[in-house]
């Protein structure tokens, strides 16, 4: 189930968030990026977007994602369908992003966030 926070910019978390994922799975990777979307950069806006994806390392299954930024509810609604269908990180990586939106970032995440234990 998705959680939508009504604010500007929009924020959305779908399925397991980091702490909940760690309770269920001992081997999670968290991918994260923060960036200024192109439409903001070109128009001089300094608003950034944050994207985070939670993956079970042993199965490569995506178990959750977060997004804070413009169009978060619409973008993550589509991502939620993939997660509910059991999509893996490899499937996200091999998918062409929804262009031209920040959704492209979900299919280009490459670096795992290192968390202190």
N, C-alpha and C. Protein backbone atom coordinates (compact mmCIF):
# COMPACT_ATOMS: atom_id res chain seq x y z
N UNK A 1 0.84 -1.17 0.00
CA UNK A 1 0.00 0.00 0.00
C UNK A 1 0.89 1.24 0.00
N UNK A 2 0.50 2.24 -0.72
CA UNK A 2 1.29 3.46 -0.84
C UNK A 2 0.86 4.48 0.20
N UNK A 3 1.81 5.28 0.60
CA UNK A 3 1.55 6.39 1.51
C UNK A 3 1.87 7.67 0.76
N UNK A 4 0.88 8.54 0.64
CA UNK A 4 1.09 9.82 -0.04
C UNK A 4 1.01 10.93 1.00
N UNK A 5 2.01 11.77 1.03
CA UNK A 5 2.04 12.90 1.95
C UNK A 5 1.67 14.14 1.17
N UNK A 6 0.60 14.82 1.58
CA UNK A 6 0.14 16.00 0.86
C UNK A 6 0.98 17.20 1.25
N UNK A 7 1.88 17.59 0.39
CA UNK A 7 2.74 18.74 0.63
C UNK A 7 3.34 19.17 -0.71
N UNK A 8 3.98 20.28 -0.71
CA UNK A 8 4.72 20.72 -1.89
C UNK A 8 6.18 20.83 -1.52
N UNK A 9 7.09 20.12 -2.13
CA UNK A 9 6.80 19.19 -3.22
C UNK A 9 6.12 17.92 -2.70
N UNK A 10 5.52 17.18 -3.61
CA UNK A 10 4.84 15.94 -3.26
C UNK A 10 5.86 14.93 -2.74
N UNK A 11 5.40 14.09 -1.84
CA UNK A 11 6.24 13.02 -1.30
C UNK A 11 5.44 11.74 -1.32
N UNK A 12 6.07 10.63 -1.64
CA UNK A 12 5.36 9.37 -1.68
C UNK A 12 6.29 8.23 -1.32
N UNK A 13 5.79 7.30 -0.53
CA UNK A 13 6.53 6.08 -0.21
C UNK A 13 5.62 4.91 -0.55
N UNK A 14 6.14 3.90 -1.20
CA UNK A 14 5.34 2.75 -1.57
C UNK A 14 5.93 1.50 -0.93
N UNK A 15 5.05 0.70 -0.34
CA UNK A 15 5.40 -0.58 0.25
C UNK A 15 6.36 -0.40 1.42
N UNK A 16 7.30 -1.32 1.57
CA UNK A 16 8.20 -1.33 2.72
C UNK A 16 9.13 -0.13 2.70
N UNK A 17 9.19 0.58 3.80
CA UNK A 17 10.20 1.62 3.90
C UNK A 17 11.43 0.98 4.54
N UNK A 18 12.55 1.69 4.53
CA UNK A 18 13.83 1.12 4.94
C UNK A 18 13.81 0.31 6.23
N UNK A 19 13.34 0.89 7.33
CA UNK A 19 13.35 0.20 8.61
C UNK A 19 12.46 -1.05 8.57
N UNK A 20 11.30 -0.93 7.95
CA UNK A 20 10.41 -2.08 7.85
C UNK A 20 11.02 -3.17 6.98
N UNK A 21 11.70 -2.78 5.93
CA UNK A 21 12.34 -3.76 5.05
C UNK A 21 13.43 -4.51 5.80
N UNK A 22 14.19 -3.80 6.64
CA UNK A 22 15.25 -4.45 7.42
C UNK A 22 14.68 -5.45 8.42
N UNK A 23 13.47 -5.20 8.93
CA UNK A 23 12.84 -6.14 9.86
C UNK A 23 12.47 -7.44 9.15
N UNK A 24 12.08 -7.35 7.90
CA UNK A 24 11.65 -8.52 7.14
C UNK A 24 12.79 -9.22 6.42
N UNK A 25 13.82 -8.47 6.01
CA UNK A 25 14.89 -9.02 5.18
C UNK A 25 16.23 -8.61 5.78
N UNK A 26 17.14 -9.56 5.87
CA UNK A 26 18.45 -9.26 6.46
C UNK A 26 19.42 -8.68 5.44
N UNK A 27 19.08 -8.73 4.19
CA UNK A 27 20.02 -8.33 3.14
C UNK A 27 19.40 -7.34 2.15
N UNK A 28 19.23 -6.11 2.58
CA UNK A 28 18.66 -5.12 1.67
C UNK A 28 19.72 -4.14 1.19
N UNK A 29 19.53 -3.68 -0.01
CA UNK A 29 20.33 -2.60 -0.58
C UNK A 29 19.38 -1.43 -0.79
N UNK A 30 19.86 -0.23 -0.50
CA UNK A 30 19.07 0.98 -0.73
C UNK A 30 19.81 1.83 -1.74
N UNK A 31 19.15 2.12 -2.83
CA UNK A 31 19.69 2.98 -3.88
C UNK A 31 19.08 4.36 -3.70
N UNK A 32 19.87 5.40 -3.82
CA UNK A 32 19.37 6.75 -3.56
C UNK A 32 20.04 7.75 -4.49
N UNK A 33 19.26 8.74 -4.91
CA UNK A 33 19.81 9.84 -5.68
C UNK A 33 19.03 11.11 -5.37
N UNK A 34 19.69 12.21 -5.48
CA UNK A 34 19.08 13.52 -5.31
C UNK A 34 19.59 14.39 -6.45
N UNK A 35 18.71 15.12 -7.10
CA UNK A 35 19.11 15.87 -8.28
C UNK A 35 18.15 17.01 -8.54
N UNK A 36 18.55 17.93 -9.38
CA UNK A 36 17.67 19.00 -9.86
C UNK A 36 17.12 18.55 -11.21
N UNK A 37 15.80 18.35 -11.30
CA UNK A 37 15.22 17.94 -12.58
C UNK A 37 15.54 18.96 -13.68
N UNK A 38 15.68 18.47 -14.90
CA UNK A 38 16.06 19.34 -16.02
C UNK A 38 15.12 20.52 -16.19
N UNK A 39 13.80 20.29 -16.06
CA UNK A 39 12.87 21.40 -16.25
C UNK A 39 13.07 22.47 -15.18
N UNK A 40 13.50 22.08 -13.97
CA UNK A 40 13.79 23.06 -12.93
C UNK A 40 15.09 23.80 -13.23
N UNK A 41 16.10 23.06 -13.65
CA UNK A 41 17.39 23.68 -13.94
C UNK A 41 17.27 24.69 -15.08
N UNK A 42 16.52 24.34 -16.11
CA UNK A 42 16.37 25.23 -17.26
C UNK A 42 15.56 26.48 -16.94
N UNK A 43 14.64 26.35 -15.97
CA UNK A 43 13.81 27.50 -15.62
C UNK A 43 14.37 28.30 -14.44
N UNK A 44 15.49 27.85 -13.91
CA UNK A 44 16.12 28.57 -12.80
C UNK A 44 15.60 28.21 -11.43
N UNK A 45 14.71 27.21 -11.34
CA UNK A 45 14.21 26.77 -10.03
C UNK A 45 15.26 25.90 -9.35
N UNK A 46 15.40 26.04 -8.05
CA UNK A 46 16.40 25.28 -7.30
C UNK A 46 15.80 24.05 -6.62
N UNK A 47 14.57 23.70 -6.93
CA UNK A 47 13.90 22.57 -6.28
C UNK A 47 14.54 21.25 -6.71
N UNK A 48 14.90 20.44 -5.73
CA UNK A 48 15.51 19.14 -6.00
C UNK A 48 14.47 18.02 -5.88
N UNK A 49 14.83 16.86 -6.39
CA UNK A 49 14.02 15.66 -6.27
C UNK A 49 14.86 14.59 -5.59
N UNK A 50 14.25 13.81 -4.69
CA UNK A 50 14.91 12.71 -4.01
C UNK A 50 14.22 11.42 -4.42
N UNK A 51 15.01 10.43 -4.78
CA UNK A 51 14.48 9.12 -5.15
C UNK A 51 15.27 8.06 -4.40
N UNK A 52 14.54 7.07 -3.86
CA UNK A 52 15.17 5.99 -3.13
C UNK A 52 14.46 4.69 -3.49
N UNK A 53 15.23 3.62 -3.70
CA UNK A 53 14.68 2.31 -4.03
C UNK A 53 15.25 1.28 -3.06
N UNK A 54 14.40 0.39 -2.53
CA UNK A 54 14.81 -0.62 -1.57
C UNK A 54 14.71 -1.99 -2.24
N UNK A 55 15.85 -2.72 -2.22
CA UNK A 55 15.95 -3.98 -2.95
C UNK A 55 16.47 -5.07 -2.02
N UNK A 56 15.86 -6.27 -2.08
CA UNK A 56 16.37 -7.42 -1.35
C UNK A 56 17.53 -7.99 -2.17
N UNK A 57 18.73 -7.95 -1.60
CA UNK A 57 19.94 -8.33 -2.34
C UNK A 57 19.88 -9.77 -2.86
N UNK A 58 19.42 -10.72 -2.03
CA UNK A 58 19.46 -12.14 -2.41
C UNK A 58 18.50 -12.49 -3.54
N UNK A 59 17.42 -11.74 -3.69
CA UNK A 59 16.43 -12.04 -4.74
C UNK A 59 16.38 -10.98 -5.83
N UNK A 60 17.01 -9.83 -5.57
CA UNK A 60 17.00 -8.68 -6.47
C UNK A 60 15.60 -8.05 -6.58
N UNK A 61 14.68 -8.46 -5.71
CA UNK A 61 13.31 -7.96 -5.75
C UNK A 61 13.22 -6.56 -5.14
N UNK A 62 12.54 -5.67 -5.85
CA UNK A 62 12.30 -4.32 -5.35
C UNK A 62 11.11 -4.41 -4.38
N UNK A 63 11.34 -3.97 -3.12
CA UNK A 63 10.28 -4.07 -2.12
C UNK A 63 9.75 -2.71 -1.69
N UNK A 64 10.31 -1.65 -2.21
CA UNK A 64 9.80 -0.34 -1.86
C UNK A 64 10.52 0.77 -2.59
N UNK A 65 9.90 1.94 -2.61
CA UNK A 65 10.55 3.11 -3.19
C UNK A 65 9.96 4.36 -2.58
N UNK A 66 10.76 5.41 -2.61
CA UNK A 66 10.34 6.71 -2.11
C UNK A 66 10.65 7.74 -3.18
N UNK A 67 9.85 8.79 -3.21
CA UNK A 67 10.14 9.91 -4.09
C UNK A 67 9.60 11.18 -3.46
N UNK A 68 10.42 12.20 -3.43
CA UNK A 68 9.99 13.53 -3.01
C UNK A 68 10.31 14.46 -4.16
N UNK A 69 9.30 15.09 -4.71
CA UNK A 69 9.52 15.99 -5.83
C UNK A 69 8.28 16.11 -6.69
N UNK A 70 8.40 16.91 -7.72
CA UNK A 70 7.28 17.14 -8.63
C UNK A 70 6.80 15.83 -9.24
N UNK A 71 5.50 15.69 -9.34
CA UNK A 71 4.86 14.54 -9.98
C UNK A 71 5.08 13.22 -9.26
N UNK A 72 5.51 13.24 -8.00
CA UNK A 72 5.76 12.00 -7.26
C UNK A 72 4.55 11.07 -7.23
N UNK A 73 3.34 11.55 -6.95
CA UNK A 73 2.20 10.62 -6.91
C UNK A 73 1.96 9.90 -8.24
N UNK A 74 2.02 10.63 -9.33
CA UNK A 74 1.76 10.03 -10.64
C UNK A 74 2.87 9.06 -11.04
N UNK A 75 4.10 9.45 -10.81
CA UNK A 75 5.24 8.60 -11.20
C UNK A 75 5.26 7.33 -10.38
N UNK A 76 5.11 7.45 -9.07
CA UNK A 76 5.22 6.26 -8.22
C UNK A 76 4.00 5.35 -8.34
N UNK A 77 2.89 5.86 -8.81
CA UNK A 77 1.73 4.99 -9.03
C UNK A 77 2.10 3.92 -10.06
N UNK A 78 2.77 4.32 -11.12
CA UNK A 78 3.22 3.36 -12.12
C UNK A 78 4.26 2.40 -11.59
N UNK A 79 5.15 2.92 -10.75
CA UNK A 79 6.19 2.07 -10.15
C UNK A 79 5.56 1.05 -9.20
N UNK A 80 4.49 1.45 -8.51
CA UNK A 80 3.82 0.54 -7.57
C UNK A 80 3.27 -0.69 -8.28
N UNK A 81 2.79 -0.52 -9.48
CA UNK A 81 2.29 -1.66 -10.26
C UNK A 81 3.42 -2.66 -10.49
N UNK A 82 4.59 -2.17 -10.87
CA UNK A 82 5.74 -3.05 -11.10
C UNK A 82 6.15 -3.77 -9.82
N UNK A 83 6.17 -3.05 -8.69
CA UNK A 83 6.55 -3.66 -7.42
C UNK A 83 5.55 -4.74 -7.03
N UNK A 84 4.28 -4.45 -7.16
CA UNK A 84 3.26 -5.46 -6.81
C UNK A 84 3.34 -6.68 -7.72
N UNK A 85 3.83 -6.49 -8.93
CA UNK A 85 3.98 -7.61 -9.87
C UNK A 85 5.27 -8.40 -9.63
N UNK A 86 6.09 -7.93 -8.66
CA UNK A 86 7.31 -8.66 -8.32
C UNK A 86 8.54 -8.25 -9.10
N UNK A 87 8.57 -7.04 -9.61
CA UNK A 87 9.71 -6.59 -10.42
C UNK A 87 11.01 -6.63 -9.63
N UNK A 88 12.06 -6.96 -10.33
CA UNK A 88 13.40 -6.97 -9.75
C UNK A 88 14.15 -5.71 -10.16
N UNK A 89 15.27 -5.47 -9.50
CA UNK A 89 16.11 -4.33 -9.86
C UNK A 89 16.58 -4.48 -11.30
N UNK A 90 16.89 -5.69 -11.71
CA UNK A 90 17.33 -5.93 -13.09
C UNK A 90 16.24 -5.53 -14.10
N UNK A 91 14.98 -5.78 -13.76
CA UNK A 91 13.89 -5.39 -14.65
C UNK A 91 13.81 -3.86 -14.73
N UNK A 92 13.92 -3.18 -13.58
CA UNK A 92 13.94 -1.71 -13.61
C UNK A 92 15.11 -1.22 -14.46
N UNK A 93 16.29 -1.83 -14.28
CA UNK A 93 17.49 -1.40 -15.01
C UNK A 93 17.35 -1.58 -16.52
N UNK A 94 16.57 -2.57 -16.94
CA UNK A 94 16.44 -2.85 -18.37
C UNK A 94 15.25 -2.14 -19.01
N UNK A 95 14.60 -1.26 -18.26
CA UNK A 95 13.42 -0.56 -18.72
C UNK A 95 13.76 0.86 -19.14
N UNK A 96 13.14 1.33 -20.18
CA UNK A 96 13.33 2.72 -20.61
C UNK A 96 12.43 3.59 -19.75
N UNK A 97 12.99 4.65 -19.19
CA UNK A 97 12.26 5.52 -18.27
C UNK A 97 11.18 6.32 -18.96
N UNK A 98 10.23 6.77 -18.17
CA UNK A 98 9.17 7.65 -18.65
C UNK A 98 9.80 9.00 -18.92
N UNK A 99 9.84 9.40 -20.16
CA UNK A 99 10.58 10.59 -20.56
C UNK A 99 9.63 11.68 -21.04
N UNK A 100 9.80 12.90 -20.78
CA UNK A 100 10.89 13.49 -20.00
C UNK A 100 10.42 13.83 -18.59
N UNK A 101 10.58 12.95 -17.66
CA UNK A 101 10.23 13.22 -16.27
C UNK A 101 11.33 12.68 -15.37
N UNK A 102 11.22 12.98 -14.09
CA UNK A 102 12.17 12.47 -13.10
C UNK A 102 12.06 10.96 -12.97
N UNK A 103 11.03 10.35 -13.53
CA UNK A 103 10.86 8.90 -13.45
C UNK A 103 12.03 8.16 -14.09
N UNK A 104 12.71 8.81 -14.99
CA UNK A 104 13.88 8.18 -15.62
C UNK A 104 14.92 7.75 -14.59
N UNK A 105 14.98 8.47 -13.49
CA UNK A 105 15.98 8.17 -12.47
C UNK A 105 15.77 6.79 -11.83
N UNK A 106 14.52 6.31 -11.77
CA UNK A 106 14.27 5.00 -11.17
C UNK A 106 14.92 3.87 -11.97
N UNK A 107 15.15 4.06 -13.24
CA UNK A 107 15.74 3.01 -14.06
C UNK A 107 17.22 3.25 -14.33
N UNK A 108 17.80 4.24 -13.65
CA UNK A 108 19.23 4.49 -13.80
C UNK A 108 19.97 4.48 -12.47
N UNK A 109 19.31 4.05 -11.39
CA UNK A 109 19.97 3.98 -10.09
C UNK A 109 21.05 2.91 -10.12
N UNK A 110 22.27 3.25 -9.73
CA UNK A 110 23.38 2.30 -9.79
C UNK A 110 24.15 2.16 -8.48
N UNK A 111 24.18 3.20 -7.63
CA UNK A 111 24.99 3.16 -6.43
C UNK A 111 24.15 2.83 -5.22
N UNK A 112 24.65 1.86 -4.42
CA UNK A 112 23.97 1.45 -3.20
C UNK A 112 24.36 2.42 -2.09
N UNK A 113 23.38 2.86 -1.33
CA UNK A 113 23.60 3.73 -0.19
C UNK A 113 24.18 2.90 0.93
N UNK A 114 25.30 3.32 1.50
CA UNK A 114 25.93 2.61 2.60
C UNK A 114 25.38 3.16 3.91
N UNK A 115 24.77 2.28 4.70
CA UNK A 115 24.18 2.68 5.97
C UNK A 115 24.98 2.14 7.13
N UNK A 116 25.08 2.93 8.20
CA UNK A 116 25.73 2.45 9.42
C UNK A 116 24.80 1.46 10.09
N UNK A 117 25.37 0.44 10.70
CA UNK A 117 24.55 -0.59 11.36
C UNK A 117 24.39 -0.28 12.82
